[in-house]
Amino acid sequence: MFSCYGHKVIGVDVNEKVVNNINKGKIIIEEPNLEELVEDVVKKGNLIASILPKESDVFIISVPTPIKDDKTSDMSYVISATKSIVKYLKEGNIVVLESTSPVGTTEEVVKPIIEESGLKVGRDIMLGYCPERVIPGKIIYELKNNDRVIGGIDKKSAEEIRKIYKTIVDGNIYLTDCKTAELCKLMENTYRDVNIALSNELLLICDKLNINVWEVIEYSNKHPRVNLHTPGPGVGGHCLAVDPWFIIEKEPELSNIIKSSRLLNDSMPEYVYNKIDKILQKDKSKKITILGITYKANTDDMRESPIIKLIDKLLKNNYNVKVFDPYIKDFQINCQSILEACKDSDLLILGVNHDYFKNLPLDEIKTTMKGNLILDTRNFLDKEEVEKSGFIYKLLGSN
């Protein structure tokens, strides 16, 4: 986006495959219109990729910030990336952290490393935090149109950073301090995680009371001030499944609702596994087909996918599992087609609501399968159509 608007951009990555592809004008992810954009700016010479940083006016750090097994943040990529630019810094440079990070990262982690250059942050170097606010599938549109929050190490830094982002952002840009901006980013995702947990908890309650959760949500949402989210087999992705832990890590005694919500959402694959166990009467000789393994619909992103966790649980308990996902090529038990995945299967599970699965060849699937059971974890399939093809339709949260 910066290179589209006339800036000369150097994209730095330690992954040579990424660098080589960018320099050929290609991308390695699924994202509408992105490859055409990259191809154009590479041809114009506005974007080049490199393994090493180079001298620049602005340095933007946007590396991953995963969580460790103990649910604390892994800041090693932020530390490594910041250290990699130190020898290229010069007076007047701007450094921006975009990576989703625990509160205090910009001031307590990035600032001291930058000052190893001998340059003083706030005097020689302007520093701030400006988190992204985009959703896969709409990245280009949202980079341009969404509002942004910029947290500066001081007022001058925030104002200078705003000038940079204003060249590509049509939305409003709000200025604050670094810690406030960091917490805003965490809470934007935590808000959604907590609300999904509320709906997942409702699903568990409805299951016990033999009530259809989808009807409860539909009719409750007729209230003008109610917006219950959609329940499902769990919450994945690099944001919702990770960011709340950064708040919990910082204030474990106070973040009780946030932690309870995160644990509940993490428990949903186990709940789905128990449903499968019940449907198949714990018969491990039964074969299972799962459609969709990404963390959300219509992307190739598998980070923290609850369906992957479900698959792991099924395999560890000796179930025979085959999967098909049109967005995924390299996955050990992924088949080349829906029919191949369904061959001799006893139970078909809709794991992810990809548009690709809207019109399943149900009659062909029925002929291919050995059993006649379908479990829909997303309230996505048409019950009447499924049953018309001779299947027994089971919907998570309704039976």
Protein backbone atom coordinates (compact mmCIF):
# COMPACT_ATOMS: atom_id res chain seq x y z
CA MET A 1 0.00 0.00 0.00
CA PHE A 2 2.81 2.43 0.82
CA SER A 3 4.53 1.62 -2.48
CA CYS A 4 1.22 2.18 -4.34
CA TYR A 5 1.18 5.73 -3.05
CA GLY A 6 4.66 6.64 -4.22
CA HIS A 7 6.88 5.52 -1.34
CA LYS A 8 9.98 3.45 -2.04
CA VAL A 9 9.55 0.35 0.12
CA ILE A 10 12.00 -2.37 1.16
CA GLY A 11 10.23 -5.45 2.53
CA VAL A 12 12.50 -7.43 4.84
CA ASP A 13 11.95 -11.08 5.77
CA VAL A 14 14.15 -13.91 7.03
CA ASN A 15 12.24 -16.35 4.79
CA GLU A 16 14.01 -16.52 1.41
CA LYS A 17 10.91 -18.01 -0.22
CA VAL A 18 8.93 -14.88 0.70
CA VAL A 19 11.69 -12.55 -0.49
CA ASN A 20 12.15 -14.36 -3.82
CA ASN A 21 8.42 -14.43 -4.52
CA ILE A 22 7.94 -10.73 -3.74
CA ASN A 23 10.82 -9.81 -6.06
CA LYS A 24 9.04 -11.75 -8.82
CA GLY A 25 5.82 -9.86 -8.08
CA LYS A 26 4.18 -12.89 -6.48
CA ILE A 27 2.68 -13.64 -3.05
CA ILE A 28 2.48 -16.84 -1.02
CA ILE A 29 -0.89 -16.28 0.67
CA GLU A 30 -4.50 -16.19 -0.52
CA GLU A 31 -5.73 -12.58 -0.59
CA PRO A 32 -8.03 -10.99 -3.18
CA ASN A 33 -6.33 -8.43 -5.50
CA LEU A 34 -3.07 -8.50 -3.55
CA GLU A 35 -0.96 -10.30 -6.15
CA GLU A 36 -1.98 -7.83 -8.89
CA LEU A 37 -1.04 -4.94 -6.60
CA VAL A 38 2.34 -6.47 -5.70
CA GLU A 39 3.13 -7.29 -9.32
CA ASP A 40 2.41 -3.68 -10.32
CA VAL A 41 4.53 -1.98 -7.64
CA VAL A 42 7.44 -4.41 -8.14
CA LYS A 43 7.44 -3.67 -11.87
CA LYS A 44 7.47 0.06 -11.11
CA GLY A 45 10.46 -0.41 -8.79
CA ASN A 46 8.61 0.90 -5.74
CA LEU A 47 8.82 -2.40 -3.83
CA ILE A 48 11.79 -4.68 -3.39
CA ALA A 49 12.30 -7.49 -0.88
CA SER A 50 15.49 -8.27 1.00
CA ILE A 51 16.85 -10.63 3.65
CA LEU A 52 18.56 -7.69 5.40
CA PRO A 53 17.34 -4.19 6.29
CA LYS A 54 18.78 -1.13 4.59
CA GLU A 55 19.02 2.55 5.55
CA SER A 56 15.58 4.14 5.43
CA ASP A 57 13.56 7.07 6.71
CA VAL A 58 10.89 4.90 8.34
CA PHE A 59 11.17 1.41 9.86
CA ILE A 60 7.93 -0.53 10.46
CA ILE A 61 8.17 -3.72 12.53
CA SER A 62 5.31 -6.12 11.82
CA VAL A 63 6.62 -9.54 12.85
CA PRO A 64 4.62 -12.31 14.58
CA THR A 65 4.04 -12.29 18.34
CA PRO A 66 2.89 -15.84 19.15
CA ILE A 67 2.24 -17.33 22.58
CA LYS A 68 4.37 -19.99 24.23
CA ASP A 69 3.05 -23.24 25.68
CA ASP A 70 2.57 -21.51 29.04
CA LYS A 71 0.38 -18.86 27.32
CA THR A 72 2.91 -16.05 27.81
CA SER A 73 4.02 -13.90 24.90
CA ASP A 74 6.97 -14.84 22.73
CA MET A 75 8.63 -11.52 21.97
CA SER A 76 11.72 -13.03 20.34
CA TYR A 77 10.71 -11.90 16.83
CA VAL A 78 10.10 -8.31 17.93
CA ILE A 79 13.45 -8.28 19.75
CA SER A 80 15.29 -9.80 16.78
CA ALA A 81 13.68 -7.46 14.25
CA THR A 82 14.41 -4.38 16.37
CA LYS A 83 18.05 -5.42 16.85
CA SER A 84 18.38 -5.95 13.09
CA ILE A 85 17.70 -2.26 12.34
CA VAL A 86 19.93 -0.70 15.01
CA LYS A 87 23.03 -0.30 12.80
CA TYR A 88 20.96 1.28 10.02
CA LEU A 89 19.35 3.98 12.19
CA LYS A 90 20.21 7.63 11.75
CA GLU A 91 19.02 10.87 13.27
CA GLY A 92 15.49 11.81 12.19
CA ASN A 93 14.33 8.24 11.56
CA ILE A 94 10.86 7.02 12.52
CA VAL A 95 10.35 3.55 14.03
CA VAL A 96 6.85 2.06 14.27
CA LEU A 97 5.84 -1.19 15.93
CA GLU A 98 2.74 -2.73 14.33
CA SER A 99 2.96 -6.22 15.88
CA THR A 100 0.22 -7.01 18.40
CA SER A 101 2.09 -6.88 21.70
CA PRO A 102 1.62 -6.86 25.48
CA VAL A 103 1.14 -3.43 27.05
CA GLY A 104 4.52 -1.73 27.54
CA THR A 105 6.35 -3.46 24.66
CA THR A 106 7.12 -0.28 22.72
CA GLU A 107 8.57 1.54 25.75
CA GLU A 108 10.11 -1.39 27.64
CA VAL A 109 11.37 -3.65 24.81
CA VAL A 110 11.75 -1.67 21.57
CA LYS A 111 12.97 1.69 22.98
CA PRO A 112 16.00 0.33 24.93
CA ILE A 113 17.18 -1.68 21.90
CA ILE A 114 16.91 1.34 19.60
CA GLU A 115 18.95 3.42 22.03
CA GLU A 116 21.80 0.88 21.76
CA SER A 117 22.51 2.82 18.53
CA GLY A 118 23.57 5.80 20.64
CA LEU A 119 20.58 7.76 19.36
CA LYS A 120 18.02 9.06 21.85
CA VAL A 121 14.35 8.12 21.37
CA GLY A 122 12.18 11.25 21.44
CA ARG A 123 15.08 13.47 20.46
CA ASP A 124 16.91 11.74 17.59
CA ILE A 125 14.47 8.92 16.79
CA MET A 126 10.68 9.12 16.73
CA LEU A 127 8.99 5.97 18.04
CA GLY A 128 5.40 4.78 18.22
CA TYR A 129 2.88 1.98 18.04
CA CYS A 130 0.28 1.65 15.25
CA PRO A 131 -1.52 -1.71 15.19
CA GLU A 132 -3.14 -3.05 12.02
CA ARG A 133 -6.93 -3.44 11.87
CA VAL A 134 -7.59 -5.75 8.95
CA ILE A 135 -9.40 -9.00 8.26
CA PRO A 136 -8.09 -11.65 5.82
CA GLY A 137 -10.00 -11.43 2.57
CA LYS A 138 -10.45 -7.63 2.83
CA ILE A 139 -6.94 -6.49 3.71
CA ILE A 140 -6.45 -3.94 0.92
CA TYR A 141 -9.82 -2.27 1.47
CA GLU A 142 -9.45 -2.16 5.25
CA LEU A 143 -5.87 -0.84 5.20
CA LYS A 144 -7.18 2.15 3.27
CA ASN A 145 -10.58 2.70 4.86
CA ASN A 146 -10.39 1.64 8.51
CA ASP A 147 -9.66 4.13 11.28
CA ARG A 148 -6.24 3.80 12.93
CA VAL A 149 -4.89 4.47 16.41
CA ILE A 150 -1.31 5.71 16.78
CA GLY A 151 0.45 5.72 20.13
CA GLY A 152 3.56 7.87 20.25
CA ILE A 153 6.42 7.75 22.73
CA ASP A 154 5.75 11.51 22.79
CA LYS A 155 3.41 13.92 21.00
CA LYS A 156 5.90 14.78 18.25
CA SER A 157 6.47 11.10 17.44
CA ALA A 158 2.72 10.46 17.19
CA GLU A 159 2.22 13.44 14.87
CA GLU A 160 5.11 12.45 12.57
CA ILE A 161 3.88 8.87 12.37
CA ARG A 162 0.39 10.13 11.50
CA LYS A 163 1.85 11.98 8.49
CA ILE A 164 3.26 8.69 7.18
CA TYR A 165 0.05 6.68 7.58
CA LYS A 166 -2.14 9.50 6.28
CA THR A 167 -0.59 8.92 2.85
CA ILE A 168 -2.45 5.58 2.60
CA VAL A 169 -5.33 5.81 5.11
CA ASP A 170 -8.66 7.46 4.26
CA GLY A 171 -10.13 6.62 7.68
CA ASN A 172 -9.66 8.73 10.79
CA ILE A 173 -6.34 8.55 12.63
CA TYR A 174 -6.42 9.04 16.40
CA LEU A 175 -3.35 9.93 18.48
CA THR A 176 -2.57 8.71 21.99
CA ASP A 177 0.33 7.23 23.98
CA CYS A 178 1.96 3.84 23.28
CA LYS A 179 0.42 1.87 26.16
CA THR A 180 -3.10 3.05 25.37
CA ALA A 181 -2.72 2.08 21.70
CA GLU A 182 -1.30 -1.32 22.67
CA LEU A 183 -4.24 -2.03 24.97
CA CYS A 184 -6.75 -0.81 22.37
CA LYS A 185 -5.47 -3.43 19.91
CA LEU A 186 -5.68 -6.19 22.53
CA MET A 187 -9.17 -5.20 23.62
CA GLU A 188 -10.53 -5.02 20.07
CA ASN A 189 -9.86 -8.74 19.69
CA THR A 190 -10.61 -9.63 23.31
CA TYR A 191 -14.06 -8.05 22.96
CA ARG A 192 -14.90 -10.49 20.18
CA ASP A 193 -13.36 -13.46 21.98
CA VAL A 194 -15.39 -12.77 25.14
CA ASN A 195 -18.62 -12.36 23.17
CA ILE A 196 -18.02 -15.59 21.24
CA ALA A 197 -17.38 -17.32 24.59
CA LEU A 198 -20.76 -16.07 25.81
CA SER A 199 -22.42 -17.71 22.80
CA ASN A 200 -20.39 -20.89 23.22
CA GLU A 201 -21.42 -21.06 26.86
CA LEU A 202 -25.03 -20.60 25.76
CA LEU A 203 -24.52 -23.51 23.34
CA LEU A 204 -23.38 -25.74 26.22
CA ILE A 205 -26.38 -24.66 28.31
CA CYS A 206 -28.80 -25.30 25.45
CA ASP A 207 -27.25 -28.71 24.92
CA LYS A 208 -28.01 -29.63 28.53
CA LEU A 209 -31.56 -28.20 28.35
CA ASN A 210 -32.28 -29.76 24.93
CA ILE A 211 -32.93 -26.34 23.35
CA ASN A 212 -31.81 -25.24 19.87
CA VAL A 213 -29.13 -22.59 20.51
CA TRP A 214 -29.47 -21.18 16.99
CA GLU A 215 -33.14 -20.34 17.57
CA VAL A 216 -32.33 -18.72 20.92
CA ILE A 217 -29.68 -16.54 19.25
CA GLU A 218 -31.89 -15.67 16.28
CA TYR A 219 -34.81 -14.54 18.41
CA SER A 220 -32.69 -12.87 21.10
CA ASN A 221 -31.02 -10.81 18.40
CA LYS A 222 -34.41 -9.41 17.38
CA HIS A 223 -33.96 -7.16 20.44
CA PRO A 224 -32.56 -3.83 19.19
CA ARG A 225 -29.73 -3.79 21.74
CA VAL A 226 -28.71 -7.47 21.64
CA ASN A 227 -26.13 -8.96 19.28
CA LEU A 228 -25.18 -12.47 20.37
CA HIS A 229 -22.23 -13.77 18.35
CA THR A 230 -22.04 -17.09 16.53
CA PRO A 231 -20.98 -20.18 18.52
CA GLY A 232 -18.97 -22.99 16.98
CA PRO A 233 -16.18 -25.55 17.37
CA GLY A 234 -13.73 -23.03 18.84
CA VAL A 235 -11.85 -19.81 18.14
CA GLY A 236 -8.64 -19.70 16.14
CA GLY A 237 -6.37 -17.30 14.32
CA HIS A 238 -3.38 -15.21 15.32
CA CYS A 239 -5.56 -12.57 16.99
CA LEU A 240 -8.60 -13.73 18.95
CA ALA A 241 -6.97 -16.93 20.22
CA VAL A 242 -3.76 -15.14 21.24
CA ASP A 243 -4.28 -11.47 22.16
CA PRO A 244 -6.38 -11.98 25.33
CA TRP A 245 -3.47 -13.91 26.86
CA PHE A 246 -1.30 -10.77 26.56
CA ILE A 247 -3.73 -8.95 28.86
CA ILE A 248 -3.93 -11.92 31.24
CA GLU A 249 -0.11 -12.09 31.33
CA LYS A 250 0.12 -8.45 32.39
CA GLU A 251 -2.71 -8.48 34.98
CA PRO A 252 -3.54 -12.11 35.88
CA GLU A 253 -5.41 -11.22 39.10
CA LEU A 254 -7.79 -8.79 37.40
CA SER A 255 -8.57 -10.37 34.01
CA ASN A 256 -11.00 -13.03 35.25
CA ILE A 257 -13.72 -12.69 32.59
CA ILE A 258 -11.09 -12.56 29.85
CA LYS A 259 -9.36 -15.72 31.11
CA SER A 260 -12.61 -17.65 31.62
CA SER A 261 -13.69 -16.77 28.09
CA ARG A 262 -10.37 -17.81 26.60
CA LEU A 263 -10.42 -21.16 28.43
CA LEU A 264 -14.01 -21.81 27.38
CA ASN A 265 -13.28 -21.11 23.72
CA ASP A 266 -10.18 -23.31 23.92
CA SER A 267 -12.34 -26.13 25.29
CA MET A 268 -14.75 -26.25 22.34
CA PRO A 269 -12.77 -28.76 20.21
CA GLU A 270 -12.97 -31.14 23.19
CA TYR A 271 -16.74 -30.58 23.32
CA VAL A 272 -17.05 -31.39 19.60
CA TYR A 273 -14.89 -34.48 20.08
CA ASN A 274 -17.24 -35.73 22.80
CA LYS A 275 -20.19 -35.12 20.46
CA ILE A 276 -18.50 -37.23 17.79
CA ASP A 277 -17.75 -39.93 20.34
CA LYS A 278 -21.43 -40.01 21.28
CA ILE A 279 -22.67 -40.04 17.66
CA LEU A 280 -20.35 -42.92 16.73
CA GLN A 281 -20.88 -44.69 20.09
CA LYS A 282 -17.07 -44.64 20.61
CA ASP A 283 -16.60 -47.09 17.74
CA LYS A 284 -13.00 -46.37 16.66
CA SER A 285 -13.41 -48.48 13.52
CA LYS A 286 -15.72 -45.78 12.12
CA LYS A 287 -14.28 -43.42 9.51
CA ILE A 288 -14.64 -39.64 9.76
CA THR A 289 -14.46 -36.99 7.04
CA ILE A 290 -13.95 -33.32 7.93
CA LEU A 291 -14.57 -30.51 5.44
CA GLY A 292 -12.48 -27.42 6.20
CA ILE A 293 -9.46 -27.13 8.51
CA THR A 294 -8.59 -23.40 8.51
CA TYR A 295 -9.39 -21.13 11.45
CA LYS A 296 -11.98 -19.14 9.45
CA ALA A 297 -13.92 -19.33 6.22
CA ASN A 298 -12.49 -18.55 2.79
CA THR A 299 -8.82 -18.24 3.84
CA ASP A 300 -5.80 -20.55 3.85
CA ASP A 301 -4.81 -19.58 7.40
CA MET A 302 -4.56 -22.50 9.85
CA ARG A 303 -3.04 -20.64 12.79
CA GLU A 304 -4.58 -21.82 16.09
CA SER A 305 -7.35 -23.55 14.12
CA PRO A 306 -9.81 -25.35 16.45
CA ILE A 307 -10.44 -27.90 13.69
CA ILE A 308 -6.75 -28.86 13.70
CA LYS A 309 -7.02 -29.35 17.48
CA LEU A 310 -10.11 -31.51 16.92
CA ILE A 311 -8.28 -33.59 14.30
CA ASP A 312 -5.32 -34.07 16.65
CA LYS A 313 -7.67 -35.31 19.38
CA LEU A 314 -9.43 -37.73 17.00
CA LEU A 315 -6.14 -39.14 15.69
CA LYS A 316 -4.69 -39.54 19.19
CA ASN A 317 -7.78 -41.56 20.05
CA ASN A 318 -7.30 -43.81 17.01
CA TYR A 319 -10.12 -42.55 14.83
CA ASN A 320 -9.62 -42.86 11.07
CA VAL A 321 -9.82 -39.27 9.75
CA LYS A 322 -9.69 -37.79 6.25
CA VAL A 323 -10.08 -34.11 5.44
CA PHE A 324 -10.62 -31.85 2.47
CA ASP A 325 -10.00 -28.12 2.35
CA PRO A 326 -9.86 -26.33 -1.03
CA TYR A 327 -7.50 -23.69 0.39
CA ILE A 328 -4.90 -26.09 1.79
CA LYS A 329 -2.35 -28.11 -0.17
CA ASP A 330 0.20 -29.31 2.38
CA PHE A 331 -1.58 -31.20 5.12
CA GLN A 332 -0.84 -34.83 5.84
CA ILE A 333 -4.37 -36.24 5.62
CA ASN A 334 -5.80 -33.71 3.14
CA CYS A 335 -7.45 -35.31 0.09
CA GLN A 336 -7.64 -33.95 -3.45
CA SER A 337 -11.42 -33.79 -3.58
CA ILE A 338 -14.55 -33.97 -1.44
CA LEU A 339 -15.48 -37.37 -2.87
CA GLU A 340 -12.04 -38.81 -2.17
CA ALA A 341 -12.26 -37.59 1.43
CA CYS A 342 -15.77 -39.05 1.82
CA LYS A 343 -14.98 -42.52 0.43
CA ASP A 344 -16.25 -45.21 2.85
CA SER A 345 -16.80 -42.58 5.57
CA ASP A 346 -19.32 -43.12 8.37
CA LEU A 347 -19.60 -39.49 9.49
CA LEU A 348 -19.18 -36.26 7.51
CA ILE A 349 -18.36 -33.13 9.57
CA LEU A 350 -18.67 -29.58 8.26
CA GLY A 351 -15.76 -27.94 10.12
CA VAL A 352 -15.39 -24.61 8.31
CA ASN A 353 -18.07 -22.70 6.45
CA HIS A 354 -16.11 -22.04 3.24
CA ASP A 355 -18.32 -20.74 0.42
CA TYR A 356 -16.91 -23.69 -1.55
CA PHE A 357 -19.10 -25.99 0.56
CA LYS A 358 -22.36 -24.12 -0.06
CA ASN A 359 -23.53 -26.50 -2.74
CA LEU A 360 -22.16 -29.90 -1.78
CA PRO A 361 -22.76 -32.77 -4.25
CA LEU A 362 -24.85 -34.52 -1.60
CA ASP A 363 -26.19 -37.30 -3.82
CA GLU A 364 -22.68 -38.26 -4.97
CA ILE A 365 -21.36 -38.02 -1.41
CA LYS A 366 -24.17 -40.29 -0.20
CA THR A 367 -23.18 -42.91 -2.80
CA THR A 368 -19.51 -42.65 -1.82
CA MET A 369 -19.99 -42.80 1.95
CA LYS A 370 -20.63 -45.95 3.94
CA GLY A 371 -22.68 -44.15 6.60
CA ASN A 372 -25.34 -41.44 6.43
CA LEU A 373 -24.46 -39.04 9.24
CA ILE A 374 -23.62 -35.33 8.82
CA LEU A 375 -22.56 -33.08 11.71
CA ASP A 376 -22.72 -29.36 10.94
CA THR A 377 -20.62 -27.36 13.44
CA ARG A 378 -21.44 -23.97 11.86
CA ASN A 379 -25.19 -23.96 11.12
CA PHE A 380 -24.16 -23.62 7.47
CA LEU A 381 -25.76 -26.48 5.57
CA ASP A 382 -29.40 -26.58 4.45
CA LYS A 383 -31.06 -29.17 6.70
CA GLU A 384 -33.84 -29.92 4.22
CA GLU A 385 -31.43 -30.45 1.32
CA VAL A 386 -29.21 -32.68 3.46
CA GLU A 387 -32.12 -34.83 4.63
CA LYS A 388 -33.60 -34.96 1.12
CA SER A 389 -30.40 -36.74 0.02
CA GLY A 390 -30.93 -39.43 2.66
CA PHE A 391 -28.64 -38.16 5.41
CA ILE A 392 -29.30 -37.84 9.10
CA TYR A 393 -28.51 -34.19 9.85
CA LYS A 394 -27.05 -33.21 13.21
CA LEU A 395 -26.39 -29.59 14.11
CA LEU A 396 -24.03 -28.58 16.88
CA GLY A 397 -26.11 -26.99 19.62
CA SER A 398 -29.47 -28.35 18.57
CA ASN A 399 -29.53 -32.08 19.26
